[in-house]
Amino acid sequence: MADTNVNNRPLPIGKSIFDKVIEEGCYYVDKTLFVKDILDRRAEVTLCTRPRRFGKTLNQTMLKCFFEDTTPIGGKDTRALFRGLKIEDAGERYLEHQGKYPVIFLSFKEVKRDTFERSYRMLKDEIVGEFKRHGYISEKIFPKEDREMFDKLLSGDGTDMDYSTSLKFLSKCLETYHGQKAIILIDEYDVPLENAWSCSARFYDEMVGFIRPLLSSALKDNPHLQLSVMTGCLRVSKESIFTGLNNLKVISILDKYCSEYFGFTQVEMDNMLEYYGFSDKRQIVRDWYNGYLFGNTEVYNPWSSVFVVDNWLADRDERPKPYWVNTSSNSIVHDLVDKATAEMKADLETLMAGKTISKVIHEDITYKEIDDDVENFWNFLFFTGYLKKIRNGCQNADGELTLDLSIPNIELRYVYKTKIQEWFKKRMAGKNLDTLLNTILNGDVETFQNELSTLLSESISYMDSAENSYHGFMAGVLGILAQLNGYMVASNRESGDGRGDLVLYRTNGKDSIAVIFEFKVAKEFNMLPIACEKALKQIEDKNYIAAWDKEGYKNIIKYGIGFYKKRCEVRKGG
């Protein structure tokens, strides 16, 4: 039984705000030494790129709670939030920075609207909200022109140009009031860019036109800046958002530095499982949610790991689910499948077979470039967590980095398989399958085999050479035929002494018909005929026609089909 002791801390389900997690007594995987590394690195501007829901917001709000001077607004003593955590033991030279600085904190994670105007309004509201949070400094801003500008920005009455340089202005005002330079924290800085690229309206250039001066003015040669930490999924430096920003330190999933602060390490995962009494589930969690390699650190997906443990507290026997992949549309995988070239299909099939593909990786790939070259999809999938690197890779004389990539775990394999199945059904629905149906009903074995072979060759394989995989393939094909022509499909229906694979049937008086299909997988191509005969023999030996004969079906057709990779052979029973 799971340890359901009432003293166990609740898990932070859906919670990503540090102070709330701590104040509500939630289980917290201690990442506070991130503060130490930020201070040790002494980079004026740091950009950490990680997949979504890997703890970026939790770390950013943790930095805010640690560094921010809350005394002018009567804020709570944030020192209490860090009692007993690792940063307390790091030494006084780190603790002397606690509660010392004014902090500008912005989150762009919700800036997802269908037009530039609406997205810009959300960005503006986020900035206005931060001016209001620091409204206490208004009365002490001099000269008069600065105070008037502050009040205008706070009230939302500033011009577009005013807001595009507002963060630098706010940092200046905060330094004047506090006597300390400001820290600027920006969470999910690239969400507005991703949204502008993915929306049907496509207002990417307009969004870049606002984001560029907003960040450049705040982070480049800003004398009022102590340090800045940004998070996002991609670096997007080629759009010149960070033009001339030579004080920027990028920490991507390729870097060893800070690799343990986003996602759960093996030790952290083991500790959580032990705390809640699920140490025996270690391999299950590892198979489903582990497999990401950041730098040289292997990490678990924290979102899914927390959810599966929480669900086990309610029902120890509940099966794992794809929690992380269900938090978004996974549109990038859909686009990849939809636009797949023959070469990309082959790569997808390799990945689905549990093998690796080798790709050149560019850290500064941009959203806009994804549509320019389908190969850029592999980069995007890698940096957003849909693929993992197997090892550190190799770099050629031109500086190009090549990595071996694979699908990280069962959860991500589920995404690919589901999207590929959806794509296949959609593609089949758009085909004229009349010939296939007619050949099945008329017993034209040769044409049936040719049509089926064509469908196999055109599909993106998600099969693992097991009979149940081909069963799924044929169920999809017959399902489309049934839907378009008034038939029904029975899967593994009990009949005689067993259960046949699939039956396509229709009840229509004297014309009632049932077509029984049995599948076998051949180990070698030249064994396809043997596989067909085994399938037909099973139909006879198990008497699969019994139930259909009993129900009055006079027209019963039997097919044995052998499969070998993307090849097939069809034989009709007597």
Protein backbone atom coordinates (compact mmCIF):
# COMPACT_ATOMS: atom_id res chain seq x y z
CA MET A 1 0.00 0.00 0.00
CA ALA A 2 1.04 3.59 -0.60
CA ASP A 3 2.07 5.70 2.37
CA THR A 4 -1.03 7.84 2.84
CA ASN A 5 0.15 9.40 6.10
CA VAL A 6 -1.63 12.74 6.56
CA ASN A 7 1.74 14.30 7.35
CA ASN A 8 2.89 13.76 3.78
CA ARG A 9 3.20 17.02 1.92
CA PRO A 10 0.78 17.61 -0.95
CA LEU A 11 2.30 17.53 -4.40
CA PRO A 12 2.39 20.87 -6.28
CA ILE A 13 -0.08 19.84 -8.97
CA GLY A 14 -0.29 22.65 -11.52
CA LYS A 15 1.60 25.02 -9.19
CA SER A 16 4.57 26.94 -10.58
CA ILE A 17 4.87 29.92 -8.21
CA PHE A 18 7.67 29.34 -5.70
CA ASP A 19 6.28 31.23 -2.72
CA LYS A 20 2.88 29.51 -3.06
CA VAL A 21 4.51 26.09 -3.26
CA ILE A 22 6.49 26.76 -0.07
CA GLU A 23 3.75 28.55 1.88
CA GLU A 24 1.21 25.82 1.11
CA GLY A 25 3.61 23.18 2.39
CA CYS A 26 3.91 21.37 -0.93
CA TYR A 27 6.64 18.89 -1.76
CA TYR A 28 9.48 20.91 -3.28
CA VAL A 29 12.43 19.51 -5.21
CA ASP A 30 15.13 21.90 -4.01
CA LYS A 31 16.64 23.88 -6.91
CA THR A 32 17.74 26.89 -4.85
CA LEU A 33 21.43 26.41 -5.67
CA PHE A 34 20.47 27.89 -9.02
CA VAL A 35 20.89 31.21 -7.18
CA LYS A 36 24.48 30.31 -6.34
CA ASP A 37 25.33 29.39 -9.91
CA ILE A 38 23.79 32.59 -11.28
CA LEU A 39 25.89 34.66 -8.87
CA ASP A 40 29.05 32.63 -9.46
CA ARG A 41 28.72 32.93 -13.23
CA ARG A 42 28.53 36.72 -13.02
CA ALA A 43 26.86 36.99 -16.42
CA GLU A 44 24.94 40.22 -16.72
CA VAL A 45 22.25 38.58 -18.87
CA THR A 46 21.48 34.84 -18.81
CA LEU A 47 19.06 33.03 -21.10
CA CYS A 48 18.04 29.52 -20.06
CA THR A 49 16.28 27.56 -22.81
CA ARG A 50 14.33 24.46 -21.81
CA PRO A 51 11.18 22.61 -22.98
CA ARG A 52 7.85 23.80 -21.64
CA ARG A 53 6.80 22.77 -18.13
CA PHE A 54 10.31 21.81 -17.04
CA GLY A 55 10.38 24.19 -14.06
CA LYS A 56 11.28 27.48 -15.74
CA THR A 57 8.55 29.52 -14.03
CA LEU A 58 9.17 27.89 -10.65
CA ASN A 59 12.86 28.81 -10.88
CA GLN A 60 12.16 32.35 -12.05
CA THR A 61 9.73 33.01 -9.19
CA MET A 62 12.27 31.47 -6.82
CA LEU A 63 14.89 33.98 -8.03
CA LYS A 64 12.36 36.79 -7.56
CA CYS A 65 11.62 35.73 -3.98
CA PHE A 66 15.32 35.46 -3.17
CA PHE A 67 16.60 38.72 -4.62
CA GLU A 68 13.67 41.14 -4.23
CA ASP A 69 13.67 43.90 -1.61
CA THR A 70 10.04 43.88 -0.50
CA THR A 71 10.35 46.29 2.45
CA PRO A 72 9.17 49.47 0.61
CA ILE A 73 5.78 47.92 -0.06
CA GLY A 74 5.40 46.22 3.30
CA GLY A 75 6.06 42.86 1.72
CA LYS A 76 6.45 39.58 3.54
CA ASP A 77 9.85 38.46 4.78
CA THR A 78 10.87 36.19 1.93
CA ARG A 79 13.84 34.90 3.92
CA ALA A 80 11.46 32.53 5.65
CA LEU A 81 10.71 30.84 2.33
CA PHE A 82 14.29 29.58 2.08
CA ARG A 83 14.73 28.16 5.57
CA GLY A 84 16.03 24.63 5.40
CA LEU A 85 16.79 24.85 1.70
CA LYS A 86 20.19 24.30 0.10
CA ILE A 87 21.01 27.95 -0.56
CA GLU A 88 21.07 28.60 3.20
CA ASP A 89 24.13 26.37 3.49
CA ALA A 90 25.92 27.87 0.49
CA GLY A 91 27.61 30.60 2.51
CA GLU A 92 27.14 34.20 3.62
CA ARG A 93 28.55 35.64 0.40
CA TYR A 94 25.41 34.39 -1.34
CA LEU A 95 22.95 35.20 1.43
CA GLU A 96 24.13 38.82 1.48
CA HIS A 97 22.34 39.23 -1.87
CA GLN A 98 19.02 38.06 -0.40
CA GLY A 99 16.30 40.71 -0.32
CA LYS A 100 18.68 43.38 -1.61
CA TYR A 101 17.47 44.39 -5.09
CA PRO A 102 14.45 45.87 -6.79
CA VAL A 103 13.12 43.23 -9.19
CA ILE A 104 11.23 43.64 -12.45
CA PHE A 105 9.37 40.40 -13.15
CA LEU A 106 7.48 39.73 -16.37
CA SER A 107 5.90 36.54 -17.64
CA PHE A 108 4.96 36.24 -21.31
CA LYS A 109 3.67 32.67 -21.03
CA GLU A 110 0.01 33.66 -21.54
CA VAL A 111 0.60 35.97 -24.51
CA LYS A 112 -1.26 33.77 -26.99
CA ARG A 113 -3.79 35.71 -29.02
CA ASP A 114 -4.90 35.46 -32.63
CA THR A 115 -3.91 38.98 -33.75
CA PHE A 116 -0.97 41.28 -33.14
CA GLU A 117 -3.24 43.91 -31.59
CA ARG A 118 -4.58 41.52 -28.98
CA SER A 119 -1.16 40.05 -28.27
CA TYR A 120 0.39 43.50 -27.96
CA ARG A 121 -2.38 44.50 -25.55
CA MET A 122 -1.51 41.54 -23.34
CA LEU A 123 2.17 42.45 -23.37
CA LYS A 124 1.32 46.05 -22.57
CA ASP A 125 -0.96 44.94 -19.70
CA GLU A 126 1.87 42.82 -18.30
CA ILE A 127 4.20 45.83 -18.35
CA VAL A 128 1.55 48.14 -16.88
CA GLY A 129 0.99 45.62 -14.09
CA GLU A 130 4.67 45.75 -13.18
CA PHE A 131 4.60 49.57 -13.10
CA LYS A 132 1.60 49.35 -10.77
CA ARG A 133 3.40 46.85 -8.54
CA HIS A 134 6.17 49.41 -8.16
CA GLY A 135 3.81 52.37 -7.92
CA TYR A 136 5.22 53.20 -4.48
CA ILE A 137 8.19 54.96 -6.12
CA SER A 138 6.06 57.48 -8.04
CA GLU A 139 6.20 60.27 -5.46
CA LYS A 140 10.00 60.20 -5.32
CA ILE A 141 10.73 60.28 -9.03
CA PHE A 142 12.55 63.35 -10.28
CA PRO A 143 12.81 65.27 -12.55
CA LYS A 144 9.17 66.10 -13.24
CA GLU A 145 9.31 64.74 -16.80
CA ASP A 146 10.32 61.29 -15.52
CA ARG A 147 7.51 61.30 -13.00
CA GLU A 148 5.02 62.22 -15.69
CA MET A 149 6.33 59.47 -17.93
CA PHE A 150 6.10 56.95 -15.07
CA ASP A 151 2.49 57.90 -14.37
CA LYS A 152 1.64 57.70 -18.07
CA LEU A 153 3.11 54.21 -18.38
CA LEU A 154 1.42 53.12 -15.15
CA SER A 155 -1.99 54.30 -16.36
CA GLY A 156 -1.64 52.57 -19.72
CA ASP A 157 -1.58 55.85 -21.65
CA GLY A 158 1.95 55.58 -23.07
CA THR A 159 2.62 55.31 -26.78
CA ASP A 160 3.86 52.12 -28.47
CA MET A 161 7.33 53.62 -28.52
CA ASP A 162 7.10 54.48 -24.81
CA TYR A 163 6.33 50.87 -23.91
CA SER A 164 9.04 49.49 -26.22
CA THR A 165 11.67 51.10 -23.97
CA SER A 166 9.70 50.98 -20.71
CA LEU A 167 11.77 48.32 -18.94
CA LYS A 168 14.94 50.37 -19.11
CA PHE A 169 13.04 53.40 -17.84
CA LEU A 170 11.54 51.41 -14.94
CA SER A 171 14.97 50.06 -13.96
CA LYS A 172 16.28 53.62 -13.87
CA CYS A 173 13.44 54.76 -11.60
CA LEU A 174 13.90 51.76 -9.30
CA GLU A 175 17.64 52.37 -8.92
CA THR A 176 16.97 56.01 -8.02
CA TYR A 177 14.53 54.95 -5.28
CA HIS A 178 16.35 51.89 -3.86
CA GLY A 179 19.93 52.95 -4.39
CA GLN A 180 20.50 49.54 -5.99
CA LYS A 181 20.51 48.46 -9.59
CA ALA A 182 17.53 46.41 -10.73
CA ILE A 183 17.25 42.71 -11.54
CA ILE A 184 15.10 41.91 -14.57
CA LEU A 185 13.47 38.46 -14.78
CA ILE A 186 11.51 37.54 -17.92
CA ASP A 187 9.77 34.18 -18.04
CA GLU A 188 8.91 32.47 -21.36
CA TYR A 189 10.17 35.44 -23.36
CA ASP A 190 9.64 33.68 -26.71
CA VAL A 191 5.99 32.64 -26.30
CA PRO A 192 4.75 35.78 -28.13
CA LEU A 193 7.08 34.92 -31.03
CA GLU A 194 5.98 31.29 -31.20
CA ASN A 195 2.35 32.35 -31.07
CA ALA A 196 2.85 34.98 -33.78
CA TRP A 197 4.47 32.34 -36.00
CA SER A 198 1.89 29.60 -35.41
CA CYS A 199 -1.28 31.74 -35.66
CA SER A 200 -3.11 31.66 -38.96
CA ALA A 201 -2.88 35.48 -39.08
CA ARG A 202 0.96 35.27 -39.04
CA PHE A 203 2.07 38.56 -37.46
CA TYR A 204 5.60 37.42 -36.72
CA ASP A 205 7.48 40.46 -38.05
CA GLU A 206 5.22 42.85 -36.14
CA MET A 207 5.86 40.99 -32.89
CA VAL A 208 9.62 40.97 -33.46
CA GLY A 209 9.35 44.72 -34.10
CA PHE A 210 8.07 45.24 -30.55
CA ILE A 211 10.05 42.61 -28.66
CA ARG A 212 13.42 43.67 -30.11
CA PRO A 213 13.55 47.24 -28.69
CA LEU A 214 11.84 46.14 -25.46
CA LEU A 215 14.59 43.65 -24.64
CA SER A 216 17.53 45.40 -26.29
CA SER A 217 16.97 48.67 -24.46
CA ALA A 218 16.57 46.88 -21.13
CA LEU A 219 19.48 44.47 -21.47
CA LYS A 220 22.08 46.14 -23.70
CA ASP A 221 24.32 48.74 -22.08
CA ASN A 222 21.73 49.48 -19.41
CA PRO A 223 23.60 51.21 -16.53
CA HIS A 224 20.70 50.52 -14.17
CA LEU A 225 20.81 46.71 -14.61
CA GLN A 226 22.36 44.44 -11.95
CA LEU A 227 21.60 41.20 -13.79
CA SER A 228 18.89 39.58 -15.83
CA VAL A 229 17.67 36.01 -16.24
CA MET A 230 15.35 35.02 -19.07
CA THR A 231 13.77 31.68 -19.88
CA GLY A 232 12.23 30.29 -23.05
CA CYS A 233 12.26 27.31 -25.42
CA LEU A 234 14.46 28.70 -28.20
CA ARG A 235 17.35 31.13 -28.43
CA VAL A 236 15.97 33.00 -31.49
CA SER A 237 19.05 35.19 -31.84
CA LYS A 238 18.99 35.37 -35.64
CA GLU A 239 15.96 37.65 -35.57
CA SER A 240 18.35 40.26 -34.13
CA ILE A 241 16.27 40.47 -30.97
CA PHE A 242 19.57 40.38 -29.13
CA THR A 243 21.60 42.36 -31.67
CA GLY A 244 24.84 43.55 -30.12
CA LEU A 245 24.01 41.99 -26.76
CA ASN A 246 27.54 40.80 -26.05
CA ASN A 247 26.77 40.37 -22.34
CA LEU A 248 24.31 37.51 -23.04
CA LYS A 249 25.11 34.01 -21.72
CA VAL A 250 22.90 31.32 -23.28
CA ILE A 251 22.40 28.08 -21.35
CA SER A 252 20.67 25.57 -23.62
CA ILE A 253 19.96 21.87 -23.21
CA LEU A 254 23.36 21.24 -24.82
CA ASP A 255 25.26 22.93 -21.98
CA LYS A 256 26.57 21.15 -18.90
CA TYR A 257 26.17 24.31 -16.83
CA CYS A 258 22.93 24.46 -14.78
CA SER A 259 21.85 21.16 -16.34
CA GLU A 260 20.43 19.83 -13.07
CA TYR A 261 18.09 22.75 -12.31
CA PHE A 262 15.35 22.02 -14.84
CA GLY A 263 13.72 18.61 -14.52
CA PHE A 264 14.29 15.95 -11.84
CA THR A 265 17.57 14.07 -11.54
CA GLN A 266 17.57 10.35 -10.72
CA VAL A 267 18.37 11.04 -7.06
CA GLU A 268 15.56 13.61 -6.82
CA MET A 269 13.11 11.22 -8.45
CA ASP A 270 14.14 8.36 -6.16
CA ASN A 271 13.73 10.59 -3.10
CA MET A 272 10.21 11.59 -4.13
CA LEU A 273 9.17 8.00 -4.82
CA GLU A 274 10.56 6.90 -1.45
CA TYR A 275 8.84 9.77 0.37
CA TYR A 276 5.42 8.76 -0.97
CA GLY A 277 6.00 5.01 -0.70
CA PHE A 278 6.37 4.18 -4.39
CA SER A 279 9.99 3.04 -4.67
CA ASP A 280 8.76 -0.12 -6.34
CA LYS A 281 7.45 2.03 -9.22
CA ARG A 282 10.94 3.30 -10.10
CA GLN A 283 11.27 1.45 -13.41
CA ILE A 284 7.77 2.45 -14.55
CA VAL A 285 8.50 6.13 -14.02
CA ARG A 286 11.88 5.74 -15.69
CA ASP A 287 10.41 4.10 -18.79
CA TRP A 288 7.63 6.65 -19.15
CA TYR A 289 9.10 10.01 -18.13
CA ASN A 290 12.91 9.81 -18.02
CA GLY A 291 15.35 9.94 -20.90
CA TYR A 292 16.10 13.64 -21.37
CA LEU A 293 19.80 14.50 -21.50
CA PHE A 294 20.57 18.12 -20.60
CA GLY A 295 24.31 18.62 -20.87
CA ASN A 296 25.52 15.37 -19.30
CA THR A 297 22.66 15.19 -16.80
CA GLU A 298 19.85 12.71 -17.32
CA VAL A 299 16.55 14.15 -16.11
CA TYR A 300 12.89 13.26 -15.75
CA ASN A 301 10.00 15.32 -17.03
CA PRO A 302 8.92 17.02 -13.77
CA TRP A 303 5.34 17.76 -14.85
CA SER A 304 4.46 14.15 -15.65
CA SER A 305 6.48 12.74 -12.75
CA VAL A 306 4.52 14.80 -10.22
CA PHE A 307 1.19 13.93 -11.81
CA VAL A 308 1.77 10.18 -11.90
CA VAL A 309 2.82 10.08 -8.24
CA ASP A 310 -0.20 12.17 -7.25
CA ASN A 311 -2.53 9.82 -9.09
CA TRP A 312 -0.91 6.81 -7.45
CA LEU A 313 -1.77 8.32 -4.08
CA ALA A 314 -5.43 7.96 -5.06
CA ASP A 315 -5.05 4.61 -6.83
CA ARG A 316 -1.80 2.72 -6.58
CA ASP A 317 -2.68 0.57 -9.57
CA GLU A 318 -3.49 3.40 -11.97
CA ARG A 319 -1.60 3.15 -15.23
CA PRO A 320 0.81 5.91 -16.33
CA LYS A 321 -0.57 8.48 -18.77
CA PRO A 322 0.91 11.03 -21.19
CA TYR A 323 0.37 13.99 -18.85
CA TRP A 324 2.91 16.40 -20.36
CA VAL A 325 1.98 15.81 -23.99
CA ASN A 326 -1.66 16.50 -23.25
CA THR A 327 -0.91 20.06 -22.06
CA SER A 328 -0.68 21.40 -25.62
CA SER A 329 -1.88 20.67 -29.12
CA ASN A 330 1.40 19.02 -30.16
CA SER A 331 0.88 20.85 -33.45
CA ILE A 332 4.58 20.68 -34.30
CA VAL A 333 4.42 16.87 -34.54
CA HIS A 334 1.27 17.14 -36.64
CA ASP A 335 2.99 19.57 -38.99
CA LEU A 336 6.01 17.33 -39.24
CA VAL A 337 3.91 14.35 -40.24
CA ASP A 338 1.73 16.38 -42.58
CA LYS A 339 4.71 17.86 -44.47
CA ALA A 340 6.90 14.78 -44.35
CA THR A 341 9.06 14.08 -47.39
CA ALA A 342 10.10 10.52 -48.26
CA GLU A 343 13.34 11.06 -46.35
CA MET A 344 11.52 12.40 -43.31
CA LYS A 345 9.13 9.44 -43.40
CA ALA A 346 12.11 7.12 -43.29
CA ASP A 347 13.51 9.06 -40.31
CA LEU A 348 10.18 8.86 -38.48
CA GLU A 349 10.01 5.12 -39.09
CA THR A 350 13.53 4.77 -37.72
CA LEU A 351 12.56 6.71 -34.59
CA MET A 352 9.38 4.71 -34.09
CA ALA A 353 11.42 1.51 -34.32
CA GLY A 354 13.39 2.70 -31.26
CA LYS A 355 16.49 3.62 -33.23
CA THR A 356 18.36 6.91 -33.71
CA ILE A 357 18.72 9.47 -36.48
CA SER A 358 21.66 11.84 -36.98
CA LYS A 359 20.94 15.53 -37.56
CA VAL A 360 22.88 18.78 -37.71
CA ILE A 361 21.76 20.95 -34.79
CA HIS A 362 21.63 24.75 -34.82
CA GLU A 363 21.12 26.37 -31.41
CA ASP A 364 19.82 29.60 -32.88
CA ILE A 365 17.08 28.19 -35.10
CA THR A 366 14.17 30.60 -35.37
CA TYR A 367 10.44 30.09 -35.50
CA LYS A 368 10.27 31.84 -38.85
CA GLU A 369 12.84 29.47 -40.37
CA ILE A 370 10.86 26.34 -39.54
CA ASP A 371 8.69 26.83 -42.62
CA ASP A 372 11.70 27.51 -44.85
CA ASP A 373 13.24 24.05 -44.54
CA VAL A 374 11.50 20.93 -43.25
CA GLU A 375 14.81 19.75 -41.80
CA ASN A 376 14.48 22.56 -39.26
CA PHE A 377 11.62 20.60 -37.72
CA TRP A 378 14.15 18.17 -36.23
CA ASN A 379 15.91 21.05 -34.48
CA PHE A 380 12.63 22.37 -33.15
CA LEU A 381 11.58 18.92 -31.92
CA PHE A 382 14.91 18.55 -30.14
CA PHE A 383 14.93 21.89 -28.32
CA THR A 384 11.26 21.64 -27.33
CA GLY A 385 11.64 18.20 -25.74
CA TYR A 386 10.18 15.88 -28.37
CA LEU A 387 13.57 14.30 -29.12
CA LYS A 388 16.63 13.68 -26.98
CA LYS A 389 20.32 13.51 -27.73
CA ILE A 390 22.03 10.16 -27.17
CA ARG A 391 25.50 11.56 -26.58
CA ASN A 392 27.35 14.83 -26.99
CA GLY A 393 27.85 14.36 -30.73
CA CYS A 394 30.64 15.58 -32.99
CA GLN A 395 31.57 18.90 -34.54
CA ASN A 396 33.06 19.27 -38.02
CA ALA A 397 35.68 21.76 -39.23
CA ASP A 398 32.95 24.29 -40.05
CA GLY A 399 31.60 24.18 -36.51
CA GLU A 400 28.45 22.23 -37.36
CA LEU A 401 27.28 19.97 -34.54
CA THR A 402 25.78 16.59 -35.42
CA LEU A 403 23.78 14.69 -32.80
CA ASP A 404 22.23 11.25 -32.66
CA LEU A 405 18.59 11.77 -31.69
CA SER A 406 15.88 9.44 -30.45
CA ILE A 407 12.43 9.50 -28.85
CA PRO A 408 12.98 10.03 -25.09
CA ASN A 409 10.41 7.72 -23.52
CA ILE A 410 7.05 5.96 -23.74
CA GLU A 411 5.13 9.21 -23.20
CA LEU A 412 6.67 10.83 -26.28
CA ARG A 413 6.38 7.66 -28.33
CA TYR A 414 2.65 7.87 -27.60
CA VAL A 415 2.54 11.34 -29.19
CA TYR A 416 4.22 10.25 -32.40
CA LYS A 417 2.15 7.11 -32.71
CA THR A 418 -1.14 8.93 -32.05
CA LYS A 419 -0.40 11.74 -34.48
CA ILE A 420 0.79 9.36 -37.18
CA GLN A 421 -2.36 7.28 -36.78
CA GLU A 422 -4.50 10.43 -37.06
CA TRP A 423 -2.57 11.47 -40.16
CA PHE A 424 -3.01 8.04 -41.73
CA LYS A 425 -6.77 7.99 -41.11
CA LYS A 426 -7.11 11.48 -42.52
CA ARG A 427 -5.12 10.55 -45.59
CA MET A 428 -7.13 7.36 -46.13
CA ALA A 429 -10.39 9.29 -45.80
CA GLY A 430 -9.30 11.47 -48.71
CA LYS A 431 -8.58 8.53 -50.99
CA ASN A 432 -10.94 6.75 -53.34
CA LEU A 433 -11.02 3.27 -51.83
CA ASP A 434 -13.78 1.88 -54.02
CA THR A 435 -11.33 -0.37 -55.86
CA LEU A 436 -10.03 -1.82 -52.61
CA LEU A 437 -13.53 -2.58 -51.33
CA ASN A 438 -14.62 -4.13 -54.62
CA THR A 439 -11.60 -6.40 -54.79
CA ILE A 440 -12.20 -7.57 -51.21
CA LEU A 441 -15.87 -8.35 -51.91
CA ASN A 442 -15.23 -9.93 -55.32
CA GLY A 443 -12.32 -12.09 -54.18
CA ASP A 444 -9.84 -10.46 -56.58
CA VAL A 445 -6.78 -11.48 -54.59
CA GLU A 446 -4.17 -10.02 -56.92
CA THR A 447 -5.72 -6.54 -57.03
CA PHE A 448 -6.46 -6.64 -53.29
CA GLN A 449 -2.79 -7.40 -52.62
CA ASN A 450 -1.61 -4.61 -54.94
CA GLU A 451 -3.95 -2.03 -53.36
CA LEU A 452 -2.94 -3.05 -49.85
CA SER A 453 0.75 -2.93 -50.77
CA THR A 454 0.29 0.63 -52.06
CA LEU A 455 -1.31 1.74 -48.79
CA LEU A 456 1.54 0.18 -46.83
CA SER A 457 4.20 1.88 -48.93
CA GLU A 458 2.52 5.32 -48.69
CA SER A 459 2.03 5.21 -44.95
CA ILE A 460 4.44 6.35 -42.25
CA SER A 461 5.08 3.15 -40.38
CA TYR A 462 4.45 3.12 -36.66
CA MET A 463 4.59 -0.67 -36.59
CA ASP A 464 6.95 -2.76 -34.52
CA SER A 465 6.65 -5.91 -36.67
CA ALA A 466 4.17 -7.42 -34.22
CA GLU A 467 0.81 -8.79 -35.29
CA ASN A 468 -1.09 -6.31 -33.14
CA SER A 469 0.56 -3.44 -34.99
CA TYR A 470 -0.60 -4.72 -38.38
CA HIS A 471 -3.95 -5.37 -36.76
CA GLY A 472 -4.11 -1.65 -35.96
CA PHE A 473 -3.12 -0.74 -39.50
CA MET A 474 -5.82 -2.95 -41.04
CA ALA A 475 -8.41 -1.78 -38.49
CA GLY A 476 -7.76 1.78 -39.66
CA VAL A 477 -8.13 0.86 -43.33
CA LEU A 478 -11.27 -1.21 -42.84
CA GLY A 479 -12.68 1.43 -40.51
CA ILE A 480 -12.53 3.99 -43.32
CA LEU A 481 -14.10 1.51 -45.76
CA ALA A 482 -16.89 0.74 -43.31
CA GLN A 483 -17.60 4.40 -42.58
CA LEU A 484 -17.85 5.30 -46.27
CA ASN A 485 -19.88 2.32 -47.40
CA GLY A 486 -22.29 1.40 -44.62
CA TYR A 487 -20.31 -1.59 -43.27
CA MET A 488 -19.26 -2.41 -39.74
CA VAL A 489 -16.00 -3.78 -38.36
CA ALA A 490 -15.67 -6.35 -35.58
CA SER A 491 -12.31 -6.75 -33.87
CA ASN A 492 -11.36 -9.94 -32.02
CA ARG A 493 -14.96 -11.06 -31.88
CA GLU A 494 -15.42 -14.49 -30.31
CA SER A 495 -16.48 -17.11 -32.80
CA GLY A 496 -16.05 -20.88 -32.79
CA ASP A 497 -13.03 -21.79 -30.67
CA GLY A 498 -11.30 -18.43 -30.73
CA ARG A 499 -11.28 -14.79 -31.77
CA GLY A 500 -10.57 -13.73 -35.34
CA ASP A 501 -8.50 -10.64 -36.02
CA LEU A 502 -11.01 -8.51 -37.97
CA VAL A 503 -14.35 -8.96 -39.69
CA LEU A 504 -15.90 -6.52 -42.19
CA TYR A 505 -19.63 -7.16 -42.34
CA ARG A 506 -22.99 -5.77 -43.42
CA THR A 507 -26.52 -6.99 -42.78
CA ASN A 508 -28.72 -6.41 -45.81
CA GLY A 509 -31.17 -9.28 -46.21
CA LYS A 510 -30.05 -11.82 -48.77
CA ASP A 511 -26.94 -9.73 -49.49
CA SER A 512 -25.58 -10.03 -45.93
CA ILE A 513 -21.82 -10.50 -46.10
CA ALA A 514 -19.01 -11.13 -43.65
CA VAL A 515 -15.34 -10.94 -44.59
CA ILE A 516 -12.99 -12.61 -42.08
CA PHE A 517 -9.34 -11.44 -41.95
CA GLU A 518 -6.52 -13.19 -40.12
CA PHE A 519 -2.96 -11.77 -40.04
CA LYS A 520 0.46 -13.32 -39.54
CA VAL A 521 3.89 -11.70 -39.55
CA ALA A 522 6.66 -13.36 -41.56
CA LYS A 523 10.21 -13.33 -40.20
CA GLU A 524 11.60 -13.12 -43.74
CA PHE A 525 10.23 -11.92 -47.06
CA ASN A 526 10.29 -15.38 -48.65
CA MET A 527 8.17 -16.73 -45.80
CA LEU A 528 5.12 -14.61 -46.72
CA PRO A 529 3.30 -17.54 -48.41
CA ILE A 530 3.76 -19.67 -45.28
CA ALA A 531 2.38 -16.84 -43.12
CA CYS A 532 -0.72 -16.64 -45.36
CA GLU A 533 -1.34 -20.38 -45.12
CA LYS A 534 -0.96 -20.29 -41.33
CA ALA A 535 -3.54 -17.51 -41.15
CA LEU A 536 -6.06 -19.42 -43.31
CA LYS A 537 -5.45 -22.63 -41.37
CA GLN A 538 -6.20 -20.80 -38.11
CA ILE A 539 -9.52 -19.56 -39.52
CA GLU A 540 -10.45 -23.17 -40.31
CA ASP A 541 -9.03 -24.81 -37.18
CA LYS A 542 -10.67 -22.27 -34.85
CA ASN A 543 -13.92 -22.36 -36.85
CA TYR A 544 -14.14 -18.55 -37.00
CA ILE A 545 -17.11 -18.72 -39.38
CA ALA A 546 -19.33 -20.42 -36.77
CA ALA A 547 -20.88 -17.32 -35.19
CA TRP A 548 -21.47 -15.66 -38.56
CA ASP A 549 -22.96 -18.81 -40.03
CA LYS A 550 -25.25 -19.08 -37.03
CA GLU A 551 -26.47 -15.52 -37.60
CA GLY A 552 -27.49 -16.38 -41.14
CA TYR A 553 -24.59 -14.95 -43.14
CA LYS A 554 -24.51 -17.03 -46.35
CA ASN A 555 -21.77 -15.03 -48.03
CA ILE A 556 -18.66 -15.48 -45.89
CA ILE A 557 -15.22 -14.68 -47.34
CA LYS A 558 -11.95 -15.67 -45.65
CA TYR A 559 -8.58 -13.97 -46.16
CA GLY A 560 -5.19 -14.89 -44.78
CA ILE A 561 -2.71 -12.01 -44.99
CA GLY A 562 1.01 -12.22 -44.36
CA PHE A 563 3.05 -9.12 -43.53
CA TYR A 564 6.77 -8.48 -43.72
CA LYS A 565 7.75 -4.88 -43.00
CA LYS A 566 5.96 -2.89 -45.77
CA ARG A 567 5.33 -5.93 -47.95
CA CYS A 568 2.31 -8.19 -47.87
CA GLU A 569 0.77 -11.23 -49.49
CA VAL A 570 -2.93 -12.07 -49.61
CA ARG A 571 -4.60 -15.48 -50.00
CA LYS A 572 -8.27 -16.36 -50.07
CA GLY A 573 -9.72 -19.35 -48.27
CA GLY A 574 -12.04 -21.89 -49.81
